[in-house]
């Protein structure tokens, strides 16, 4: 059923893939000396490119929206300010409770 299709190769088929050479020395190596397949270089480059593009889109999706939309910017900073106030209250409340439980020796 798969005979004649040149794109199908390797196990479990008996045909060899064109990129699999008989000479292992002909394959490129990485910095550690391991043999690399041809597709690994393309995968690594495409991974880093997509990571950079994703960071740029995500960063400007958030920051660009906060720059353009004044109401969203005010809501964001007000929410951040409220969170900061709650955290300061939480930390000082815990500190006061801990210090209240400690018996100081005033001798």
PDB file of N, CA and C in Angstrom:
ATOM      1  N   UNK A   1       0.822  -1.180   0.000  1.00  0.00           N
ATOM      2  CA  UNK A   1       0.000   0.000   0.000  1.00  0.00           C
ATOM      3  C   UNK A   1       0.876   1.257   0.000  1.00  0.00           C
ATOM      4  N   UNK A   2       2.060   1.192   0.645  1.00  0.00           N
ATOM      5  CA  UNK A   2       2.917   2.371   0.732  1.00  0.00           C
ATOM      6  C   UNK A   2       4.034   2.373  -0.304  1.00  0.00           C
ATOM      7  N   UNK A   3       4.083   1.391  -1.169  1.00  0.00           N
ATOM      8  CA  UNK A   3       5.153   1.328  -2.155  1.00  0.00           C
ATOM      9  C   UNK A   3       5.028   2.478  -3.138  1.00  0.00           C
ATOM     10  N   UNK A   4       6.155   3.039  -3.495  1.00  0.00           N
ATOM     11  CA  UNK A   4       6.189   4.117  -4.459  1.00  0.00           C
ATOM     12  C   UNK A   4       6.144   5.499  -3.832  1.00  0.00           C
ATOM     13  N   UNK A   5       5.885   5.581  -2.559  1.00  0.00           N
ATOM     14  CA  UNK A   5       5.881   6.878  -1.883  1.00  0.00           C
ATOM     15  C   UNK A   5       7.294   7.156  -1.389  1.00  0.00           C
ATOM     16  N   UNK A   6       7.955   8.133  -1.999  1.00  0.00           N
ATOM     17  CA  UNK A   6       9.357   8.401  -1.680  1.00  0.00           C
ATOM     18  C   UNK A   6       9.513   9.120  -0.334  1.00  0.00           C
ATOM     19  N   UNK A   7       8.445   9.655   0.203  1.00  0.00           N
ATOM     20  CA  UNK A   7       8.547  10.369   1.472  1.00  0.00           C
ATOM     21  C   UNK A   7       8.467   9.446   2.674  1.00  0.00           C
ATOM     22  N   UNK A   8       8.034   8.204   2.467  1.00  0.00           N
ATOM     23  CA  UNK A   8       7.987   7.235   3.552  1.00  0.00           C
ATOM     24  C   UNK A   8       9.262   6.412   3.538  1.00  0.00           C
ATOM     25  N   UNK A   9       9.965   6.409   4.675  1.00  0.00           N
ATOM     26  CA  UNK A   9      11.218   5.659   4.738  1.00  0.00           C
ATOM     27  C   UNK A   9      11.518   5.318   6.187  1.00  0.00           C
ATOM     28  N   UNK A  10      12.518   4.511   6.409  1.00  0.00           N
ATOM     29  CA  UNK A  10      12.934   4.122   7.748  1.00  0.00           C
ATOM     30  C   UNK A  10      12.064   3.026   8.322  1.00  0.00           C
ATOM     31  N   UNK A  11      12.372   2.610   9.566  1.00  0.00           N
ATOM     32  CA  UNK A  11      11.618   1.516  10.170  1.00  0.00           C
ATOM     33  C   UNK A  11      10.141   1.880  10.309  1.00  0.00           C
ATOM     34  N   UNK A  12       9.274   0.987  10.127  1.00  0.00           N
ATOM     35  CA  UNK A  12       9.338  -0.442   9.868  1.00  0.00           C
ATOM     36  C   UNK A  12       9.527  -0.773   8.395  1.00  0.00           C
ATOM     37  N   UNK A  13       9.649   0.230   7.540  1.00  0.00           N
ATOM     38  CA  UNK A  13       9.873  -0.047   6.116  1.00  0.00           C
ATOM     39  C   UNK A  13      11.325  -0.432   5.892  1.00  0.00           C
ATOM     40  N   UNK A  14      11.578  -1.112   4.794  1.00  0.00           N
ATOM     41  CA  UNK A  14      12.935  -1.567   4.510  1.00  0.00           C
ATOM     42  C   UNK A  14      13.762  -0.502   3.795  1.00  0.00           C
ATOM     43  N   UNK A  15      13.155   0.568   3.336  1.00  0.00           N
ATOM     44  CA  UNK A  15      13.906   1.607   2.619  1.00  0.00           C
ATOM     45  C   UNK A  15      14.605   2.531   3.603  1.00  0.00           C
ATOM     46  N   UNK A  16      15.781   3.022   3.198  1.00  0.00           N
ATOM     47  CA  UNK A  16      16.551   3.951   4.014  1.00  0.00           C
ATOM     48  C   UNK A  16      16.143   5.379   3.682  1.00  0.00           C
ATOM     49  N   UNK A  17      16.158   6.237   4.676  1.00  0.00           N
ATOM     50  CA  UNK A  17      15.863   7.647   4.449  1.00  0.00           C
ATOM     51  C   UNK A  17      17.067   8.312   3.797  1.00  0.00           C
ATOM     52  N   UNK A  18      16.842   9.281   2.915  1.00  0.00           N
ATOM     53  CA  UNK A  18      17.962   9.910   2.205  1.00  0.00           C
ATOM     54  C   UNK A  18      18.913  10.671   3.122  1.00  0.00           C
ATOM     55  N   UNK A  19      18.440  11.171   4.256  1.00  0.00           N
ATOM     56  CA  UNK A  19      19.317  11.920   5.145  1.00  0.00           C
ATOM     57  C   UNK A  19      20.096  11.028   6.091  1.00  0.00           C
ATOM     58  N   UNK A  20      19.828   9.740   6.092  1.00  0.00           N
ATOM     59  CA  UNK A  20      20.585   8.807   6.912  1.00  0.00           C
ATOM     60  C   UNK A  20      21.709   8.224   6.073  1.00  0.00           C
ATOM     61  N   UNK A  21      22.894   8.750   6.260  1.00  0.00           N
ATOM     62  CA  UNK A  21      24.029   8.277   5.485  1.00  0.00           C
ATOM     63  C   UNK A  21      24.699   7.082   6.133  1.00  0.00           C
ATOM     64  N   UNK A  22      25.516   6.392   5.366  1.00  0.00           N
ATOM     65  CA  UNK A  22      26.267   5.259   5.891  1.00  0.00           C
ATOM     66  C   UNK A  22      27.474   5.715   6.706  1.00  0.00           C
ATOM     67  N   UNK A  23      27.977   6.909   6.399  1.00  0.00           N
ATOM     68  CA  UNK A  23      29.184   7.407   7.052  1.00  0.00           C
ATOM     69  C   UNK A  23      28.806   8.252   8.270  1.00  0.00           C
ATOM     70  N   UNK A  24      29.044   7.752   9.502  1.00  0.00           N
ATOM     71  CA  UNK A  24      28.675   8.547  10.678  1.00  0.00           C
ATOM     72  C   UNK A  24      29.543   9.781  10.845  1.00  0.00           C
ATOM     73  N   UNK A  25      30.741   9.801  10.218  1.00  0.00           N
ATOM     74  CA  UNK A  25      31.606  10.971  10.319  1.00  0.00           C
ATOM     75  C   UNK A  25      31.073  12.137   9.501  1.00  0.00           C
ATOM     76  N   UNK A  26      30.209  11.865   8.541  1.00  0.00           N
ATOM     77  CA  UNK A  26      29.685  12.920   7.683  1.00  0.00           C
ATOM     78  C   UNK A  26      28.600  13.730   8.379  1.00  0.00           C
ATOM     79  N   UNK A  27      28.052  13.185   9.470  1.00  0.00           N
ATOM     80  CA  UNK A  27      27.002  13.906  10.186  1.00  0.00           C
ATOM     81  C   UNK A  27      27.612  15.049  10.989  1.00  0.00           C
ATOM     82  N   UNK A  28      26.940  16.192  11.054  1.00  0.00           N
ATOM     83  CA  UNK A  28      27.469  17.293  11.855  1.00  0.00           C
ATOM     84  C   UNK A  28      27.387  16.975  13.351  1.00  0.00           C
ATOM     85  N   UNK A  29      28.269  17.604  14.130  1.00  0.00           N
ATOM     86  CA  UNK A  29      28.289  17.386  15.576  1.00  0.00           C
ATOM     87  C   UNK A  29      27.995  18.698  16.284  1.00  0.00           C
ATOM     88  N   UNK A  30      27.506  18.603  17.520  1.00  0.00           N
ATOM     89  CA  UNK A  30      27.291  19.805  18.314  1.00  0.00           C
ATOM     90  C   UNK A  30      28.538  20.098  19.137  1.00  0.00           C
ATOM     91  N   UNK A  31      28.441  21.055  20.057  1.00  0.00           N
ATOM     92  CA  UNK A  31      29.609  21.475  20.837  1.00  0.00           C
ATOM     93  C   UNK A  31      30.153  20.371  21.733  1.00  0.00           C
ATOM     94  N   UNK A  32      29.303  19.473  22.170  1.00  0.00           N
ATOM     95  CA  UNK A  32      29.734  18.403  23.064  1.00  0.00           C
ATOM     96  C   UNK A  32      30.313  17.243  22.271  1.00  0.00           C
ATOM     97  N   UNK A  33      30.073  17.197  20.989  1.00  0.00           N
ATOM     98  CA  UNK A  33      30.587  16.127  20.162  1.00  0.00           C
ATOM     99  C   UNK A  33      29.546  15.088  19.802  1.00  0.00           C
ATOM    100  N   UNK A  34      28.294  15.298  20.178  1.00  0.00           N
ATOM    101  CA  UNK A  34      27.242  14.354  19.822  1.00  0.00           C
ATOM    102  C   UNK A  34      26.836  14.568  18.372  1.00  0.00           C
ATOM    103  N   UNK A  35      26.427  13.499  17.766  1.00  0.00           N
ATOM    104  CA  UNK A  35      25.971  13.577  16.386  1.00  0.00           C
ATOM    105  C   UNK A  35      24.602  14.243  16.345  1.00  0.00           C
ATOM    106  N   UNK A  36      24.439  15.168  15.414  1.00  0.00           N
ATOM    107  CA  UNK A  36      23.163  15.855  15.284  1.00  0.00           C
ATOM    108  C   UNK A  36      22.465  15.408  14.012  1.00  0.00           C
ATOM    109  N   UNK A  37      21.178  15.361  14.099  1.00  0.00           N
ATOM    110  CA  UNK A  37      20.394  15.123  12.903  1.00  0.00           C
ATOM    111  C   UNK A  37      20.147  16.465  12.241  1.00  0.00           C
ATOM    112  N   UNK A  38      19.866  16.444  10.970  1.00  0.00           N
ATOM    113  CA  UNK A  38      19.697  17.683  10.226  1.00  0.00           C
ATOM    114  C   UNK A  38      18.503  18.474  10.739  1.00  0.00           C
ATOM    115  N   UNK A  39      17.441  17.817  11.112  1.00  0.00           N
ATOM    116  CA  UNK A  39      16.239  18.497  11.562  1.00  0.00           C
ATOM    117  C   UNK A  39      16.377  19.160  12.914  1.00  0.00           C
ATOM    118  N   UNK A  40      17.336  18.728  13.739  1.00  0.00           N
ATOM    119  CA  UNK A  40      17.495  19.303  15.072  1.00  0.00           C
ATOM    120  C   UNK A  40      17.913  20.763  15.007  1.00  0.00           C
ATOM    121  N   UNK A  41      18.758  21.120  14.036  1.00  0.00           N
ATOM    122  CA  UNK A  41      19.186  22.508  13.905  1.00  0.00           C
ATOM    123  C   UNK A  41      18.001  23.395  13.557  1.00  0.00           C
ATOM    124  N   UNK A  42      17.156  22.931  12.668  1.00  0.00           N
ATOM    125  CA  UNK A  42      15.989  23.699  12.269  1.00  0.00           C
ATOM    126  C   UNK A  42      15.027  23.833  13.444  1.00  0.00           C
ATOM    127  N   UNK A  43      14.858  22.768  14.219  1.00  0.00           N
ATOM    128  CA  UNK A  43      13.973  22.818  15.383  1.00  0.00           C
ATOM    129  C   UNK A  43      14.484  23.808  16.418  1.00  0.00           C
ATOM    130  N   UNK A  44      15.771  23.831  16.659  1.00  0.00           N
ATOM    131  CA  UNK A  44      16.331  24.744  17.659  1.00  0.00           C
ATOM    132  C   UNK A  44      16.155  26.189  17.231  1.00  0.00           C
ATOM    133  N   UNK A  45      16.438  26.480  15.976  1.00  0.00           N
ATOM    134  CA  UNK A  45      16.292  27.850  15.479  1.00  0.00           C
ATOM    135  C   UNK A  45      14.835  28.277  15.515  1.00  0.00           C
ATOM    136  N   UNK A  46      13.939  27.406  15.079  1.00  0.00           N
ATOM    137  CA  UNK A  46      12.520  27.766  15.078  1.00  0.00           C
ATOM    138  C   UNK A  46      11.988  27.922  16.495  1.00  0.00           C
ATOM    139  N   UNK A  47      12.517  27.155  17.454  1.00  0.00           N
ATOM    140  CA  UNK A  47      12.106  27.303  18.852  1.00  0.00           C
ATOM    141  C   UNK A  47      12.474  28.685  19.373  1.00  0.00           C
ATOM    142  N   UNK A  48      13.716  29.119  19.144  1.00  0.00           N
ATOM    143  CA  UNK A  48      14.144  30.417  19.643  1.00  0.00           C
ATOM    144  C   UNK A  48      13.425  31.560  18.932  1.00  0.00           C
ATOM    145  N   UNK A  49      13.185  31.416  17.651  1.00  0.00           N
ATOM    146  CA  UNK A  49      12.449  32.453  16.921  1.00  0.00           C
ATOM    147  C   UNK A  49      11.032  32.568  17.471  1.00  0.00           C
ATOM    148  N   UNK A  50      10.361  31.443  17.676  1.00  0.00           N
ATOM    149  CA  UNK A  50       8.993  31.493  18.196  1.00  0.00           C
ATOM    150  C   UNK A  50       8.959  32.009  19.629  1.00  0.00           C
ATOM    151  N   UNK A  51      10.008  31.734  20.424  1.00  0.00           N
ATOM    152  CA  UNK A  51      10.062  32.237  21.780  1.00  0.00           C
ATOM    153  C   UNK A  51      10.185  33.766  21.775  1.00  0.00           C
ATOM    154  N   UNK A  52      11.027  34.308  20.913  1.00  0.00           N
ATOM    155  CA  UNK A  52      11.195  35.758  20.828  1.00  0.00           C
ATOM    156  C   UNK A  52       9.915  36.421  20.334  1.00  0.00           C
ATOM    157  N   UNK A  53       9.308  35.852  19.297  1.00  0.00           N
ATOM    158  CA  UNK A  53       8.064  36.415  18.770  1.00  0.00           C
ATOM    159  C   UNK A  53       6.959  36.357  19.825  1.00  0.00           C
ATOM    160  N   UNK A  54       6.862  35.268  20.556  1.00  0.00           N
ATOM    161  CA  UNK A  54       5.861  35.147  21.610  1.00  0.00           C
ATOM    162  C   UNK A  54       6.073  36.150  22.726  1.00  0.00           C
ATOM    163  N   UNK A  55       7.312  36.384  23.094  1.00  0.00           N
ATOM    164  CA  UNK A  55       7.600  37.378  24.134  1.00  0.00           C
ATOM    165  C   UNK A  55       7.209  38.771  23.667  1.00  0.00           C
ATOM    166  N   UNK A  56       7.570  39.110  22.436  1.00  0.00           N
ATOM    167  CA  UNK A  56       7.247  40.439  21.909  1.00  0.00           C
ATOM    168  C   UNK A  56       5.741  40.647  21.841  1.00  0.00           C
ATOM    169  N   UNK A  57       5.018  39.666  21.322  1.00  0.00           N
ATOM    170  CA  UNK A  57       3.562  39.784  21.213  1.00  0.00           C
ATOM    171  C   UNK A  57       2.920  39.860  22.600  1.00  0.00           C
ATOM    172  N   UNK A  58       3.361  39.027  23.531  1.00  0.00           N
ATOM    173  CA  UNK A  58       2.801  39.057  24.873  1.00  0.00           C
ATOM    174  C   UNK A  58       3.105  40.350  25.608  1.00  0.00           C
ATOM    175  N   UNK A  59       4.344  40.814  25.490  1.00  0.00           N
ATOM    176  CA  UNK A  59       4.746  42.054  26.163  1.00  0.00           C
ATOM    177  C   UNK A  59       3.953  43.235  25.648  1.00  0.00           C
ATOM    178  N   UNK A  60       3.907  43.392  24.321  1.00  0.00           N
ATOM    179  CA  UNK A  60       3.186  44.530  23.766  1.00  0.00           C
ATOM    180  C   UNK A  60       1.677  44.345  23.842  1.00  0.00           C
ATOM    181  N   UNK A  61       1.211  43.106  23.962  1.00  0.00           N
ATOM    182  CA  UNK A  61      -0.218  42.893  24.169  1.00  0.00           C
ATOM    183  C   UNK A  61      -0.664  43.435  25.516  1.00  0.00           C
ATOM    184  N   UNK A  62       0.168  43.279  26.540  1.00  0.00           N
ATOM    185  CA  UNK A  62      -0.167  43.787  27.870  1.00  0.00           C
ATOM    186  C   UNK A  62       0.206  45.257  28.001  1.00  0.00           C
ATOM    187  N   UNK A  63       1.474  45.571  27.738  1.00  0.00           N
ATOM    188  CA  UNK A  63       1.930  46.951  27.934  1.00  0.00           C
ATOM    189  C   UNK A  63       1.313  47.904  26.920  1.00  0.00           C
ATOM    190  N   UNK A  64       1.153  47.465  25.684  1.00  0.00           N
ATOM    191  CA  UNK A  64       0.530  48.320  24.668  1.00  0.00           C
ATOM    192  C   UNK A  64      -0.902  48.646  25.027  1.00  0.00           C
ATOM    193  N   UNK A  65      -1.619  47.678  25.568  1.00  0.00           N
ATOM    194  CA  UNK A  65      -2.994  47.931  25.988  1.00  0.00           C
ATOM    195  C   UNK A  65      -3.021  48.924  27.140  1.00  0.00           C
ATOM    196  N   UNK A  66      -2.098  48.786  28.088  1.00  0.00           N
ATOM    197  CA  UNK A  66      -2.061  49.725  29.212  1.00  0.00           C
ATOM    198  C   UNK A  66      -1.652  51.124  28.769  1.00  0.00           C
ATOM    199  N   UNK A  67      -0.855  51.218  27.720  1.00  0.00           N
ATOM    200  CA  UNK A  67      -0.459  52.528  27.212  1.00  0.00           C
ATOM    201  C   UNK A  67      -1.628  53.197  26.490  1.00  0.00           C
ATOM    202  N   UNK A  68      -2.362  52.433  25.722  1.00  0.00           N
ATOM    203  CA  UNK A  68      -3.424  52.995  24.879  1.00  0.00           C
ATOM    204  C   UNK A  68      -4.706  53.252  25.665  1.00  0.00           C
ATOM    205  N   UNK A  69      -5.140  52.302  26.474  1.00  0.00           N
ATOM    206  CA  UNK A  69      -6.422  52.410  27.162  1.00  0.00           C
ATOM    207  C   UNK A  69      -6.231  53.018  28.545  1.00  0.00           C
ATOM    208  N   UNK A  70      -6.664  54.247  28.712  1.00  0.00           N
ATOM    209  CA  UNK A  70      -6.476  54.951  29.980  1.00  0.00           C
ATOM    210  C   UNK A  70      -7.267  54.299  31.117  1.00  0.00           C
ATOM    211  N   UNK A  71      -8.500  53.881  30.854  1.00  0.00           N
ATOM    212  CA  UNK A  71      -9.324  53.281  31.910  1.00  0.00           C
ATOM    213  C   UNK A  71      -8.719  51.969  32.395  1.00  0.00           C
ATOM    214  N   UNK A  72      -8.157  51.164  31.487  1.00  0.00           N
ATOM    215  CA  UNK A  72      -7.524  49.907  31.876  1.00  0.00           C
ATOM    216  C   UNK A  72      -6.253  50.173  32.681  1.00  0.00           C
ATOM    217  N   UNK A  73      -5.511  51.204  32.261  1.00  0.00           N
ATOM    218  CA  UNK A  73      -4.281  51.544  32.967  1.00  0.00           C
ATOM    219  C   UNK A  73      -4.602  51.972  34.403  1.00  0.00           C
ATOM    220  N   UNK A  74      -5.625  52.804  34.571  1.00  0.00           N
ATOM    221  CA  UNK A  74      -6.000  53.249  35.903  1.00  0.00           C
ATOM    222  C   UNK A  74      -6.495  52.077  36.749  1.00  0.00           C
ATOM    223  N   UNK A  75      -7.273  51.191  36.166  1.00  0.00           N
ATOM    224  CA  UNK A  75      -7.769  50.026  36.899  1.00  0.00           C
ATOM    225  C   UNK A  75      -6.615  49.105  37.293  1.00  0.00           C
ATOM    226  N   UNK A  76      -5.638  48.921  36.401  1.00  0.00           N
ATOM    227  CA  UNK A  76      -4.487  48.063  36.697  1.00  0.00           C
ATOM    228  C   UNK A  76      -3.684  48.619  37.865  1.00  0.00           C
ATOM    229  N   UNK A  77      -3.348  49.905  37.801  1.00  0.00           N
ATOM    230  CA  UNK A  77      -2.529  50.486  38.854  1.00  0.00           C
ATOM    231  C   UNK A  77      -3.299  50.615  40.167  1.00  0.00           C
ATOM    232  N   UNK A  78      -4.608  50.847  40.104  1.00  0.00           N
ATOM    233  CA  UNK A  78      -5.408  50.880  41.320  1.00  0.00           C
ATOM    234  C   UNK A  78      -5.455  49.491  41.958  1.00  0.00           C
ATOM    235  N   UNK A  79      -5.615  48.451  41.139  1.00  0.00           N
ATOM    236  CA  UNK A  79      -5.604  47.088  41.666  1.00  0.00           C
ATOM    237  C   UNK A  79      -4.260  46.728  42.264  1.00  0.00           C
ATOM    238  N   UNK A  80      -3.176  47.152  41.606  1.00  0.00           N
ATOM    239  CA  UNK A  80      -1.837  46.899  42.128  1.00  0.00           C
ATOM    240  C   UNK A  80      -1.634  47.627  43.446  1.00  0.00           C
ATOM    241  N   UNK A  81      -2.111  48.865  43.537  1.00  0.00           N
ATOM    242  CA  UNK A  81      -1.988  49.639  44.764  1.00  0.00           C
ATOM    243  C   UNK A  81      -2.787  48.991  45.894  1.00  0.00           C
ATOM    244  N   UNK A  82      -3.987  48.499  45.600  1.00  0.00           N
ATOM    245  CA  UNK A  82      -4.786  47.811  46.616  1.00  0.00           C
ATOM    246  C   UNK A  82      -4.100  46.535  47.093  1.00  0.00           C
ATOM    247  N   UNK A  83      -3.517  45.792  46.167  1.00  0.00           N
ATOM    248  CA  UNK A  83      -2.792  44.566  46.524  1.00  0.00           C
ATOM    249  C   UNK A  83      -1.609  44.890  47.426  1.00  0.00           C
ATOM    250  N   UNK A  84      -0.880  45.939  47.080  1.00  0.00           N
ATOM    251  CA  UNK A  84       0.265  46.349  47.891  1.00  0.00           C
ATOM    252  C   UNK A  84      -0.189  46.725  49.305  1.00  0.00           C
ATOM    253  N   UNK A  85      -1.299  47.450  49.425  1.00  0.00           N
ATOM    254  CA  UNK A  85      -1.821  47.821  50.737  1.00  0.00           C
ATOM    255  C   UNK A  85      -2.228  46.613  51.556  1.00  0.00           C
ATOM    256  N   UNK A  86      -2.855  45.629  50.901  1.00  0.00           N
ATOM    257  CA  UNK A  86      -3.249  44.413  51.615  1.00  0.00           C
ATOM    258  C   UNK A  86      -2.029  43.626  52.088  1.00  0.00           C
ATOM    259  N   UNK A  87      -0.991  43.573  51.268  1.00  0.00           N
ATOM    260  CA  UNK A  87       0.220  42.848  51.658  1.00  0.00           C
ATOM    261  C   UNK A  87       0.926  43.534  52.828  1.00  0.00           C
ATOM    262  N   UNK A  88       0.987  44.859  52.828  1.00  0.00           N
ATOM    263  CA  UNK A  88       1.613  45.586  53.938  1.00  0.00           C
ATOM    264  C   UNK A  88       0.822  45.330  55.219  1.00  0.00           C
ATOM    265  N   UNK A  89      -0.508  45.368  55.131  1.00  0.00           N
ATOM    266  CA  UNK A  89      -1.344  45.097  56.303  1.00  0.00           C
ATOM    267  C   UNK A  89      -1.124  43.673  56.800  1.00  0.00           C
ATOM    268  N   UNK A  90      -1.076  42.702  55.880  1.00  0.00           N
ATOM    269  CA  UNK A  90      -0.888  41.296  56.257  1.00  0.00           C
ATOM    270  C   UNK A  90       0.437  41.101  56.971  1.00  0.00           C
ATOM    271  N   UNK A  91       1.513  41.653  56.414  1.00  0.00           N
ATOM    272  CA  UNK A  91       2.850  41.464  57.001  1.00  0.00           C
ATOM    273  C   UNK A  91       2.936  42.143  58.358  1.00  0.00           C
ATOM    274  N   UNK A  92       2.441  43.370  58.471  1.00  0.00           N
ATOM    275  CA  UNK A  92       2.516  44.052  59.771  1.00  0.00           C
ATOM    276  C   UNK A  92       1.627  43.369  60.807  1.00  0.00           C
ATOM    277  N   UNK A  93       0.462  42.876  60.384  1.00  0.00           N
ATOM    278  CA  UNK A  93      -0.423  42.170  61.303  1.00  0.00           C
ATOM    279  C   UNK A  93       0.249  40.904  61.832  1.00  0.00           C
ATOM    280  N   UNK A  94       0.880  40.131  60.939  1.00  0.00           N
ATOM    281  CA  UNK A  94       1.583  38.915  61.373  1.00  0.00           C
ATOM    282  C   UNK A  94       2.755  39.247  62.285  1.00  0.00           C
ATOM    283  N   UNK A  95       3.470  40.324  61.966  1.00  0.00           N
ATOM    284  CA  UNK A  95       4.623  40.710  62.790  1.00  0.00           C
ATOM    285  C   UNK A  95       4.167  41.120  64.178  1.00  0.00           C
ATOM    286  N   UNK A  96       3.091  41.881  64.262  1.00  0.00           N
ATOM    287  CA  UNK A  96       2.578  42.314  65.565  1.00  0.00           C
ATOM    288  C   UNK A  96       2.110  41.118  66.382  1.00  0.00           C
ATOM    289  N   UNK A  97       1.417  40.185  65.725  1.00  0.00           N
ATOM    290  CA  UNK A  97       0.947  38.988  66.440  1.00  0.00           C
ATOM    291  C   UNK A  97       2.125  38.147  66.937  1.00  0.00           C
ATOM    292  N   UNK A  98       3.155  38.010  66.112  1.00  0.00           N
ATOM    293  CA  UNK A  98       4.327  37.226  66.538  1.00  0.00           C
ATOM    294  C   UNK A  98       5.058  37.907  67.687  1.00  0.00           C
ATOM    295  N   UNK A  99       5.211  39.228  67.603  1.00  0.00           N
ATOM    296  CA  UNK A  99       5.900  39.954  68.667  1.00  0.00           C
ATOM    297  C   UNK A  99       5.074  39.951  69.951  1.00  0.00           C
ATOM    298  N   UNK A 100       3.749  39.885  69.842  1.00  0.00           N
ATOM    299  CA  UNK A 100       2.901  39.844  71.031  1.00  0.00           C
ATOM    300  C   UNK A 100       3.032  38.537  71.771  1.00  0.00           C
ATOM    301  N   UNK A 101       3.371  37.466  71.089  1.00  0.00           N
ATOM    302  CA  UNK A 101       3.511  36.154  71.724  1.00  0.00           C
ATOM    303  C   UNK A 101       4.864  35.974  72.385  1.00  0.00           C
ATOM    304  N   UNK A 102       5.822  36.804  72.027  1.00  0.00           N
ATOM    305  CA  UNK A 102       7.182  36.677  72.588  1.00  0.00           C
ATOM    306  C   UNK A 102       7.213  37.395  73.929  1.00  0.00           C
ATOM    307  N   UNK A 103       7.698  36.718  74.937  1.00  0.00           N
ATOM    308  CA  UNK A 103       7.854  37.314  76.263  1.00  0.00           C
ATOM    309  C   UNK A 103       9.250  37.901  76.360  1.00  0.00           C
ATOM    310  N   UNK A 104       9.311  39.198  76.557  1.00  0.00           N
ATOM    311  CA  UNK A 104      10.595  39.867  76.676  1.00  0.00           C
ATOM    312  C   UNK A 104      11.021  39.902  78.133  1.00  0.00           C
ATOM    313  N   UNK A 105      12.277  39.647  78.366  1.00  0.00           N
ATOM    314  CA  UNK A 105      12.832  39.695  79.706  1.00  0.00           C
ATOM    315  C   UNK A 105      13.368  41.096  79.928  1.00  0.00           C
ATOM    316  N   UNK A 106      12.759  41.861  80.840  1.00  0.00           N
ATOM    317  CA  UNK A 106      13.138  43.261  81.039  1.00  0.00           C
ATOM    318  C   UNK A 106      14.031  43.426  82.267  1.00  0.00           C
ATOM    319  N   UNK A 107      15.009  42.628  82.419  1.00  0.00           N
ATOM    320  CA  UNK A 107      15.888  42.751  83.577  1.00  0.00           C
ATOM    321  C   UNK A 107      17.144  43.481  83.239  1.00  0.00           C
TER     322      UNK A 107
END
